[in-house]
Amino acid sequence: MNRMYQVDCKRGLCSTGFYVGIVLCFLAGAFGMGEMLEYISETVLPEGEIRFLSAAYLALHTDALTYVLPIACTLAASGMYIEDLQSGTLYYSILRTTKKRYYTSKILSCITFGILTVLATVLLLMVVFMLMFPTDKMEIQNFQMESLVYLCKRTVILCMNSSLYALLGGAIAGTSNNRYMAYAAPFILYYVISTLFQAYLSDYPLLNPKEWMLLRISPVCRVVVVLAVANVLAAACYLFVMERRWTHE
C-alpha cells in the first residue's frame, strides 16, 4: 500500500475535523427528524420492519443532513493538499515518494474520509436508536431483509455524495489557495445549484444535486451512474489542480 496514503489516513483519523463531521451529521439526522421520532415510537410498524432501522433510515432522509453533509465530509482530508503546499511539507513529501503516489494519496484520502464520515454516522444513528427503541422478540422473528437493504442503498448513495464533495473541496482549495474554501465551497455549490435547479429547471431532476441526495423521483441506478461520473470528474479536476500548481510554482 502507498505509504503516503497510510500517513494521510493516520492524519485524517487524528484530526478533530473528522469527528466533528460525524457529530454534525448525526445531530442533523437525529434532530432533523422532528416529529417523526415521536411517530416512530408510537406507531405500529408494518410487519417485517425493526423500529431502530426505520428510524435510522428516516434520519438519513432529512433535509438537514443534506445541507450538513457537504461541509462535514470535507473536514478531515479536503484541506490536506493546500496545508502541505502552504507549510512547505509538499516538496519534502514528494522527495520521499513520487508525484503520482502523492497525488493518488490525496485523492484516495478524500474518498476514504468522505465514505467513513457517512459510515460512522449511520453506525452512530443505529446505536443511538437501538438504545431508544429496544427490539422485542416479535420484531426479530418477523424481521425481513428488505428494510436493511433499503438502509444499505441509502448509505451507498450518501457515501458517493460525500466522496464527491470531499474531492470538490480539495480541488477548490487548491485553486483558490485557501484552506477554508475546502470546507465552505462544496456547501455553497450544493445550495446554490440545487436552489437554481429547483426554481428554474425542475423538469430535469436528475441534474439537481439535491435529487442525488434524496432520490425523490429518479431511479437509484441512474443516480448511481451520475454520481460515479461526477466523482471521476471531481478526482480528475483535483489531479489537474495539483499537477498545474506543481508545474507553475
C-alpha atoms as a PDB file:
ATOM      1  CA  MET A   1       0.000   0.000   0.000  1.00  0.00           C
ATOM      2  CA  ASN A   2       1.117   3.555  -0.736  1.00  0.00           C
ATOM      3  CA  ARG A   3       2.936   4.693   2.403  1.00  0.00           C
ATOM      4  CA  MET A   4       1.867   8.268   1.709  1.00  0.00           C
ATOM      5  CA  TYR A   5      -1.757   7.105   1.805  1.00  0.00           C
ATOM      6  CA  GLN A   6      -1.159   5.400   5.157  1.00  0.00           C
ATOM      7  CA  VAL A   7       0.287   8.627   6.544  1.00  0.00           C
ATOM      8  CA  ASP A   8      -2.695  10.621   5.255  1.00  0.00           C
ATOM      9  CA  CYS A   9      -5.134   8.107   6.771  1.00  0.00           C
ATOM     10  CA  LYS A  10      -3.459   8.438  10.156  1.00  0.00           C
ATOM     11  CA  ARG A  11      -3.502  12.189   9.738  1.00  0.00           C
ATOM     12  CA  GLY A  12      -7.228  12.165   8.970  1.00  0.00           C
ATOM     13  CA  LEU A  13      -8.060   9.824  11.843  1.00  0.00           C
ATOM     14  CA  CYS A  14      -6.151  12.061  14.242  1.00  0.00           C
ATOM     15  CA  SER A  15      -7.836  15.229  13.011  1.00  0.00           C
ATOM     16  CA  THR A  16     -10.584  16.850  15.067  1.00  0.00           C
ATOM     17  CA  GLY A  17     -12.471  17.683  11.888  1.00  0.00           C
ATOM     18  CA  PHE A  18     -13.229  14.029  11.147  1.00  0.00           C
ATOM     19  CA  TYR A  19     -15.044  13.542  14.451  1.00  0.00           C
ATOM     20  CA  VAL A  20     -16.699  16.951  14.297  1.00  0.00           C
ATOM     21  CA  GLY A  21     -18.081  15.999  10.876  1.00  0.00           C
ATOM     22  CA  ILE A  22     -19.535  12.748  12.229  1.00  0.00           C
ATOM     23  CA  VAL A  23     -21.194  14.533  15.160  1.00  0.00           C
ATOM     24  CA  LEU A  24     -22.602  17.238  12.876  1.00  0.00           C
ATOM     25  CA  CYS A  25     -24.139  14.642  10.554  1.00  0.00           C
ATOM     26  CA  PHE A  26     -25.548  12.689  13.472  1.00  0.00           C
ATOM     27  CA  LEU A  27     -27.145  15.774  15.023  1.00  0.00           C
ATOM     28  CA  ALA A  28     -28.532  16.896  11.666  1.00  0.00           C
ATOM     29  CA  GLY A  29     -30.072  13.495  11.040  1.00  0.00           C
ATOM     30  CA  ALA A  30     -31.440  12.957  14.541  1.00  0.00           C
ATOM     31  CA  PHE A  31     -32.828  16.443  15.183  1.00  0.00           C
ATOM     32  CA  GLY A  32     -33.888  16.879  11.564  1.00  0.00           C
ATOM     33  CA  MET A  33     -36.451  14.132  12.065  1.00  0.00           C
ATOM     34  CA  GLY A  34     -38.537  16.370  14.330  1.00  0.00           C
ATOM     35  CA  GLU A  35     -41.954  14.825  14.989  1.00  0.00           C
ATOM     36  CA  MET A  36     -41.043  11.685  13.045  1.00  0.00           C
ATOM     37  CA  LEU A  37     -39.230  10.401  16.149  1.00  0.00           C
ATOM     38  CA  GLU A  38     -42.481  10.502  18.094  1.00  0.00           C
ATOM     39  CA  TYR A  39     -44.249   8.842  15.176  1.00  0.00           C
ATOM     40  CA  ILE A  40     -41.677   6.009  15.109  1.00  0.00           C
ATOM     41  CA  SER A  41     -42.001   5.438  18.854  1.00  0.00           C
ATOM     42  CA  GLU A  42     -45.814   5.339  18.920  1.00  0.00           C
ATOM     43  CA  THR A  43     -46.956   3.909  15.594  1.00  0.00           C
ATOM     44  CA  VAL A  44     -47.323   0.235  14.744  1.00  0.00           C
ATOM     45  CA  LEU A  45     -44.760  -0.501  12.049  1.00  0.00           C
ATOM     46  CA  PRO A  46     -45.504  -2.772   9.078  1.00  0.00           C
ATOM     47  CA  GLU A  47     -44.658  -6.423   9.659  1.00  0.00           C
ATOM     48  CA  GLY A  48     -41.006  -7.215   8.960  1.00  0.00           C
ATOM     49  CA  GLU A  49     -39.585  -3.825   9.977  1.00  0.00           C
ATOM     50  CA  ILE A  50     -37.450  -3.090  13.018  1.00  0.00           C
ATOM     51  CA  ARG A  51     -38.051   0.209  14.743  1.00  0.00           C
ATOM     52  CA  PHE A  52     -34.449   1.397  15.119  1.00  0.00           C
ATOM     53  CA  LEU A  53     -33.627   0.575  11.467  1.00  0.00           C
ATOM     54  CA  SER A  54     -36.671   2.542  10.293  1.00  0.00           C
ATOM     55  CA  ALA A  55     -35.619   5.481  12.471  1.00  0.00           C
ATOM     56  CA  ALA A  56     -32.077   5.413  11.074  1.00  0.00           C
ATOM     57  CA  TYR A  57     -33.415   5.262   7.503  1.00  0.00           C
ATOM     58  CA  LEU A  58     -35.670   8.274   8.089  1.00  0.00           C
ATOM     59  CA  ALA A  59     -32.818  10.212   9.716  1.00  0.00           C
ATOM     60  CA  LEU A  60     -30.727   9.705   6.578  1.00  0.00           C
ATOM     61  CA  HIS A  61     -33.533  11.222   4.506  1.00  0.00           C
ATOM     62  CA  THR A  62     -33.791  14.533   6.365  1.00  0.00           C
ATOM     63  CA  ASP A  63     -33.188  17.862   4.606  1.00  0.00           C
ATOM     64  CA  ALA A  64     -30.931  18.951   7.476  1.00  0.00           C
ATOM     65  CA  LEU A  65     -28.490  16.125   6.752  1.00  0.00           C
ATOM     66  CA  THR A  66     -28.298  17.037   3.073  1.00  0.00           C
ATOM     67  CA  TYR A  67     -27.154  20.556   3.995  1.00  0.00           C
ATOM     68  CA  VAL A  68     -24.627  19.446   6.618  1.00  0.00           C
ATOM     69  CA  LEU A  69     -23.013  16.582   4.680  1.00  0.00           C
ATOM     70  CA  PRO A  70     -21.246  18.737   2.021  1.00  0.00           C
ATOM     71  CA  ILE A  71     -19.435  20.504   4.869  1.00  0.00           C
ATOM     72  CA  ALA A  72     -18.876  17.571   7.228  1.00  0.00           C
ATOM     73  CA  CYS A  73     -17.290  15.297   4.621  1.00  0.00           C
ATOM     74  CA  THR A  74     -14.561  17.842   3.832  1.00  0.00           C
ATOM     75  CA  LEU A  75     -13.286  18.460   7.352  1.00  0.00           C
ATOM     76  CA  ALA A  76     -10.863  15.518   7.592  1.00  0.00           C
ATOM     77  CA  ALA A  77      -8.996  15.364   4.274  1.00  0.00           C
ATOM     78  CA  SER A  78     -10.026  18.033   1.757  1.00  0.00           C
ATOM     79  CA  GLY A  79      -7.608  20.617   3.143  1.00  0.00           C
ATOM     80  CA  MET A  80      -4.560  18.313   3.309  1.00  0.00           C
ATOM     81  CA  TYR A  81      -3.026  19.288  -0.032  1.00  0.00           C
ATOM     82  CA  ILE A  82      -3.266  23.040   0.443  1.00  0.00           C
ATOM     83  CA  GLU A  83      -1.962  22.693   4.009  1.00  0.00           C
ATOM     84  CA  ASP A  84       1.067  20.800   2.688  1.00  0.00           C
ATOM     85  CA  LEU A  85       1.619  23.407  -0.013  1.00  0.00           C
ATOM     86  CA  GLN A  86       1.401  26.400   2.303  1.00  0.00           C
ATOM     87  CA  SER A  87       3.572  24.841   5.011  1.00  0.00           C
ATOM     88  CA  GLY A  88       6.257  23.647   2.598  1.00  0.00           C
ATOM     89  CA  THR A  89       5.662  19.995   3.509  1.00  0.00           C
ATOM     90  CA  LEU A  90       4.606  19.224  -0.062  1.00  0.00           C
ATOM     91  CA  TYR A  91       8.118  19.384  -1.530  1.00  0.00           C
ATOM     92  CA  TYR A  92       9.592  17.340   1.326  1.00  0.00           C
ATOM     93  CA  SER A  93       6.874  14.697   0.913  1.00  0.00           C
ATOM     94  CA  ILE A  94       7.398  14.344  -2.838  1.00  0.00           C
ATOM     95  CA  LEU A  95      11.141  13.924  -2.314  1.00  0.00           C
ATOM     96  CA  ARG A  96      10.374  10.864  -0.184  1.00  0.00           C
ATOM     97  CA  THR A  97       7.887   9.388  -2.657  1.00  0.00           C
ATOM     98  CA  THR A  98       6.730  10.267  -6.194  1.00  0.00           C
ATOM     99  CA  LYS A  99       4.280  12.829  -7.531  1.00  0.00           C
ATOM    100  CA  LYS A 100       1.983  10.072  -8.750  1.00  0.00           C
ATOM    101  CA  ARG A 101       1.826   8.433  -5.325  1.00  0.00           C
ATOM    102  CA  TYR A 102       1.381  11.766  -3.589  1.00  0.00           C
ATOM    103  CA  TYR A 103      -1.488  12.823  -5.851  1.00  0.00           C
ATOM    104  CA  THR A 104      -3.117   9.390  -5.605  1.00  0.00           C
ATOM    105  CA  SER A 105      -2.877   9.545  -1.827  1.00  0.00           C
ATOM    106  CA  LYS A 106      -4.641  12.900  -1.628  1.00  0.00           C
ATOM    107  CA  ILE A 107      -7.456  11.759  -3.927  1.00  0.00           C
ATOM    108  CA  LEU A 108      -7.924   8.450  -2.103  1.00  0.00           C
ATOM    109  CA  SER A 109      -7.860  10.229   1.261  1.00  0.00           C
ATOM    110  CA  CYS A 110     -10.758  12.479   0.236  1.00  0.00           C
ATOM    111  CA  ILE A 111     -12.756   9.484  -0.984  1.00  0.00           C
ATOM    112  CA  THR A 112     -11.915   7.411   2.094  1.00  0.00           C
ATOM    113  CA  PHE A 113     -12.856  10.032   4.679  1.00  0.00           C
ATOM    114  CA  GLY A 114     -15.929  11.081   2.750  1.00  0.00           C
ATOM    115  CA  ILE A 115     -17.136   7.485   2.934  1.00  0.00           C
ATOM    116  CA  LEU A 116     -16.006   6.961   6.544  1.00  0.00           C
ATOM    117  CA  THR A 117     -17.908  10.061   7.670  1.00  0.00           C
ATOM    118  CA  VAL A 118     -21.157   8.591   6.339  1.00  0.00           C
ATOM    119  CA  LEU A 119     -20.499   5.066   7.627  1.00  0.00           C
ATOM    120  CA  ALA A 120     -19.664   6.314  11.111  1.00  0.00           C
ATOM    121  CA  THR A 121     -22.782   8.498  11.113  1.00  0.00           C
ATOM    122  CA  VAL A 122     -25.006   5.575  10.110  1.00  0.00           C
ATOM    123  CA  LEU A 123     -23.444   3.369  12.785  1.00  0.00           C
ATOM    124  CA  LEU A 124     -23.895   6.066  15.438  1.00  0.00           C
ATOM    125  CA  LEU A 125     -27.527   6.616  14.445  1.00  0.00           C
ATOM    126  CA  MET A 126     -28.214   2.880  14.606  1.00  0.00           C
ATOM    127  CA  VAL A 127     -26.626   2.525  18.042  1.00  0.00           C
ATOM    128  CA  VAL A 128     -28.488   5.516  19.497  1.00  0.00           C
ATOM    129  CA  PHE A 129     -31.841   4.481  18.018  1.00  0.00           C
ATOM    130  CA  MET A 130     -31.270   0.906  19.170  1.00  0.00           C
ATOM    131  CA  LEU A 131     -30.991   2.244  22.715  1.00  0.00           C
ATOM    132  CA  MET A 132     -34.050   4.461  22.260  1.00  0.00           C
ATOM    133  CA  PHE A 133     -36.196   1.770  20.638  1.00  0.00           C
ATOM    134  CA  PRO A 134     -35.205  -1.633  22.073  1.00  0.00           C
ATOM    135  CA  THR A 135     -36.050  -4.518  19.753  1.00  0.00           C
ATOM    136  CA  ASP A 136     -38.548  -7.088  21.052  1.00  0.00           C
ATOM    137  CA  LYS A 137     -38.696 -10.769  20.147  1.00  0.00           C
ATOM    138  CA  MET A 138     -41.667 -10.301  17.822  1.00  0.00           C
ATOM    139  CA  GLU A 139     -39.774  -7.786  15.670  1.00  0.00           C
ATOM    140  CA  ILE A 140     -36.780 -10.105  15.422  1.00  0.00           C
ATOM    141  CA  GLN A 141     -38.936 -13.097  14.470  1.00  0.00           C
ATOM    142  CA  ASN A 142     -40.791 -11.158  11.764  1.00  0.00           C
ATOM    143  CA  PHE A 143     -37.746  -9.280  10.507  1.00  0.00           C
ATOM    144  CA  GLN A 144     -37.389  -9.096   6.716  1.00  0.00           C
ATOM    145  CA  MET A 145     -34.170  -8.160   4.944  1.00  0.00           C
ATOM    146  CA  GLU A 146     -35.867  -5.522   2.782  1.00  0.00           C
ATOM    147  CA  SER A 147     -35.612  -2.804   5.437  1.00  0.00           C
ATOM    148  CA  LEU A 148     -31.883  -3.461   5.851  1.00  0.00           C
ATOM    149  CA  VAL A 149     -31.391  -3.449   2.075  1.00  0.00           C
ATOM    150  CA  TYR A 150     -33.095  -0.045   1.831  1.00  0.00           C
ATOM    151  CA  LEU A 151     -30.805   1.291   4.556  1.00  0.00           C
ATOM    152  CA  CYS A 152     -27.731  -0.068   2.765  1.00  0.00           C
ATOM    153  CA  LYS A 153     -28.798   1.506  -0.533  1.00  0.00           C
ATOM    154  CA  ARG A 154     -29.325   4.831   1.208  1.00  0.00           C
ATOM    155  CA  THR A 155     -25.883   4.566   2.804  1.00  0.00           C
ATOM    156  CA  VAL A 156     -24.209   3.875  -0.555  1.00  0.00           C
ATOM    157  CA  ILE A 157     -25.863   6.923  -2.128  1.00  0.00           C
ATOM    158  CA  LEU A 158     -24.734   9.173   0.730  1.00  0.00           C
ATOM    159  CA  CYS A 159     -21.201   7.736   0.563  1.00  0.00           C
ATOM    160  CA  MET A 160     -20.958   8.600  -3.135  1.00  0.00           C
ATOM    161  CA  ASN A 161     -22.254  12.122  -2.464  1.00  0.00           C
ATOM    162  CA  SER A 162     -19.836  12.546   0.420  1.00  0.00           C
ATOM    163  CA  SER A 163     -16.773  11.474  -1.570  1.00  0.00           C
ATOM    164  CA  LEU A 164     -17.833  13.814  -4.386  1.00  0.00           C
ATOM    165  CA  TYR A 165     -17.973  16.879  -2.136  1.00  0.00           C
ATOM    166  CA  ALA A 166     -14.735  15.924  -0.385  1.00  0.00           C
ATOM    167  CA  LEU A 167     -12.966  15.804  -3.770  1.00  0.00           C
ATOM    168  CA  LEU A 168     -14.555  19.096  -4.837  1.00  0.00           C
ATOM    169  CA  GLY A 169     -13.392  20.685  -1.590  1.00  0.00           C
ATOM    170  CA  GLY A 170      -9.806  19.618  -2.252  1.00  0.00           C
ATOM    171  CA  ALA A 171      -9.884  20.862  -5.847  1.00  0.00           C
ATOM    172  CA  ILE A 172     -11.416  24.228  -4.931  1.00  0.00           C
ATOM    173  CA  ALA A 173      -8.977  24.760  -2.051  1.00  0.00           C
ATOM    174  CA  GLY A 174      -6.069  24.077  -4.391  1.00  0.00           C
ATOM    175  CA  THR A 175      -7.443  26.504  -6.973  1.00  0.00           C
ATOM    176  CA  SER A 176      -8.218  29.301  -4.515  1.00  0.00           C
ATOM    177  CA  ASN A 177      -5.125  28.721  -2.348  1.00  0.00           C
ATOM    178  CA  ASN A 178      -7.405  28.913   0.690  1.00  0.00           C
ATOM    179  CA  ARG A 179      -7.835  26.009   3.109  1.00  0.00           C
ATOM    180  CA  TYR A 180     -11.176  27.276   4.394  1.00  0.00           C
ATOM    181  CA  MET A 181     -12.659  27.158   0.905  1.00  0.00           C
ATOM    182  CA  ALA A 182     -12.273  23.368   1.081  1.00  0.00           C
ATOM    183  CA  TYR A 183     -14.950  23.394   3.785  1.00  0.00           C
ATOM    184  CA  ALA A 184     -17.226  26.208   2.617  1.00  0.00           C
ATOM    185  CA  ALA A 185     -17.238  25.946  -1.186  1.00  0.00           C
ATOM    186  CA  PRO A 186     -18.878  22.483  -1.530  1.00  0.00           C
ATOM    187  CA  PHE A 187     -21.825  23.583   0.615  1.00  0.00           C
ATOM    188  CA  ILE A 188     -22.174  26.856  -1.330  1.00  0.00           C
ATOM    189  CA  LEU A 189     -22.124  24.969  -4.637  1.00  0.00           C
ATOM    190  CA  TYR A 190     -24.667  22.446  -3.381  1.00  0.00           C
ATOM    191  CA  TYR A 191     -27.038  25.077  -2.025  1.00  0.00           C
ATOM    192  CA  VAL A 192     -26.848  27.465  -4.998  1.00  0.00           C
ATOM    193  CA  ILE A 193     -27.058  24.825  -7.731  1.00  0.00           C
ATOM    194  CA  SER A 194     -29.857  22.829  -6.072  1.00  0.00           C
ATOM    195  CA  THR A 195     -31.862  26.018  -5.431  1.00  0.00           C
ATOM    196  CA  LEU A 196     -31.465  27.213  -9.034  1.00  0.00           C
ATOM    197  CA  PHE A 197     -32.410  23.844 -10.478  1.00  0.00           C
ATOM    198  CA  GLN A 198     -35.418  23.576  -8.211  1.00  0.00           C
ATOM    199  CA  ALA A 199     -36.599  27.035  -9.235  1.00  0.00           C
ATOM    200  CA  TYR A 200     -35.857  27.071 -12.961  1.00  0.00           C
ATOM    201  CA  LEU A 201     -35.064  23.547 -14.150  1.00  0.00           C
ATOM    202  CA  SER A 202     -37.415  21.365 -12.134  1.00  0.00           C
ATOM    203  CA  ASP A 203     -38.146  19.312 -15.276  1.00  0.00           C
ATOM    204  CA  TYR A 204     -34.612  17.880 -15.082  1.00  0.00           C
ATOM    205  CA  PRO A 205     -34.442  16.422 -11.562  1.00  0.00           C
ATOM    206  CA  LEU A 206     -31.530  14.113 -12.377  1.00  0.00           C
ATOM    207  CA  LEU A 207     -29.273  17.158 -12.781  1.00  0.00           C
ATOM    208  CA  ASN A 208     -30.174  18.538  -9.359  1.00  0.00           C
ATOM    209  CA  PRO A 209     -27.592  17.761  -6.612  1.00  0.00           C
ATOM    210  CA  LYS A 210     -30.410  17.621  -4.062  1.00  0.00           C
ATOM    211  CA  GLU A 211     -32.016  14.811  -6.039  1.00  0.00           C
ATOM    212  CA  TRP A 212     -28.697  12.926  -5.837  1.00  0.00           C
ATOM    213  CA  MET A 213     -29.022  13.121  -2.062  1.00  0.00           C
ATOM    214  CA  LEU A 214     -32.726  12.422  -1.535  1.00  0.00           C
ATOM    215  CA  LEU A 215     -33.792  10.381  -4.612  1.00  0.00           C
ATOM    216  CA  ARG A 216     -37.315  11.734  -4.550  1.00  0.00           C
ATOM    217  CA  ILE A 217     -38.107  10.986  -8.207  1.00  0.00           C
ATOM    218  CA  SER A 218     -35.120   9.489 -10.023  1.00  0.00           C
ATOM    219  CA  PRO A 219     -34.316   5.740 -10.118  1.00  0.00           C
ATOM    220  CA  VAL A 220     -31.432   4.621  -7.910  1.00  0.00           C
ATOM    221  CA  CYS A 221     -29.429   3.116 -10.790  1.00  0.00           C
ATOM    222  CA  ARG A 222     -29.434   6.388 -12.759  1.00  0.00           C
ATOM    223  CA  VAL A 223     -28.371   8.416  -9.742  1.00  0.00           C
ATOM    224  CA  VAL A 224     -25.538   5.954  -9.034  1.00  0.00           C
ATOM    225  CA  VAL A 225     -24.271   6.352 -12.614  1.00  0.00           C
ATOM    226  CA  VAL A 226     -24.442  10.155 -12.394  1.00  0.00           C
ATOM    227  CA  LEU A 227     -22.612  10.164  -9.049  1.00  0.00           C
ATOM    228  CA  ALA A 228     -19.942   7.772 -10.355  1.00  0.00           C
ATOM    229  CA  VAL A 229     -19.271  10.044 -13.322  1.00  0.00           C
ATOM    230  CA  ALA A 230     -19.275  13.134 -11.091  1.00  0.00           C
ATOM    231  CA  ASN A 231     -16.759  11.502  -8.726  1.00  0.00           C
ATOM    232  CA  VAL A 232     -14.426  10.644 -11.604  1.00  0.00           C
ATOM    233  CA  LEU A 233     -14.637  14.206 -12.939  1.00  0.00           C
ATOM    234  CA  ALA A 234     -14.026  15.695  -9.486  1.00  0.00           C
ATOM    235  CA  ALA A 235     -10.993  13.438  -8.973  1.00  0.00           C
ATOM    236  CA  ALA A 236      -9.659  14.431 -12.404  1.00  0.00           C
ATOM    237  CA  CYS A 237     -10.109  18.124 -11.557  1.00  0.00           C
ATOM    238  CA  TYR A 238      -8.304  17.670  -8.245  1.00  0.00           C
ATOM    239  CA  LEU A 239      -5.442  15.891 -10.008  1.00  0.00           C
ATOM    240  CA  PHE A 240      -5.257  18.638 -12.650  1.00  0.00           C
ATOM    241  CA  VAL A 241      -5.133  21.354  -9.972  1.00  0.00           C
ATOM    242  CA  MET A 242      -2.325  19.630  -8.065  1.00  0.00           C
ATOM    243  CA  GLU A 243      -0.283  18.992 -11.231  1.00  0.00           C
ATOM    244  CA  ARG A 244      -0.777  22.534 -12.509  1.00  0.00           C
ATOM    245  CA  ARG A 245       0.296  24.096  -9.206  1.00  0.00           C
ATOM    246  CA  TRP A 246       3.383  21.875  -9.125  1.00  0.00           C
ATOM    247  CA  THR A 247       4.298  22.926 -12.674  1.00  0.00           C
ATOM    248  CA  HIS A 248       3.877  26.658 -12.076  1.00  0.00           C
ATOM    249  CA  GLU A 249       5.313  27.025  -8.573  1.00  0.00           C
END
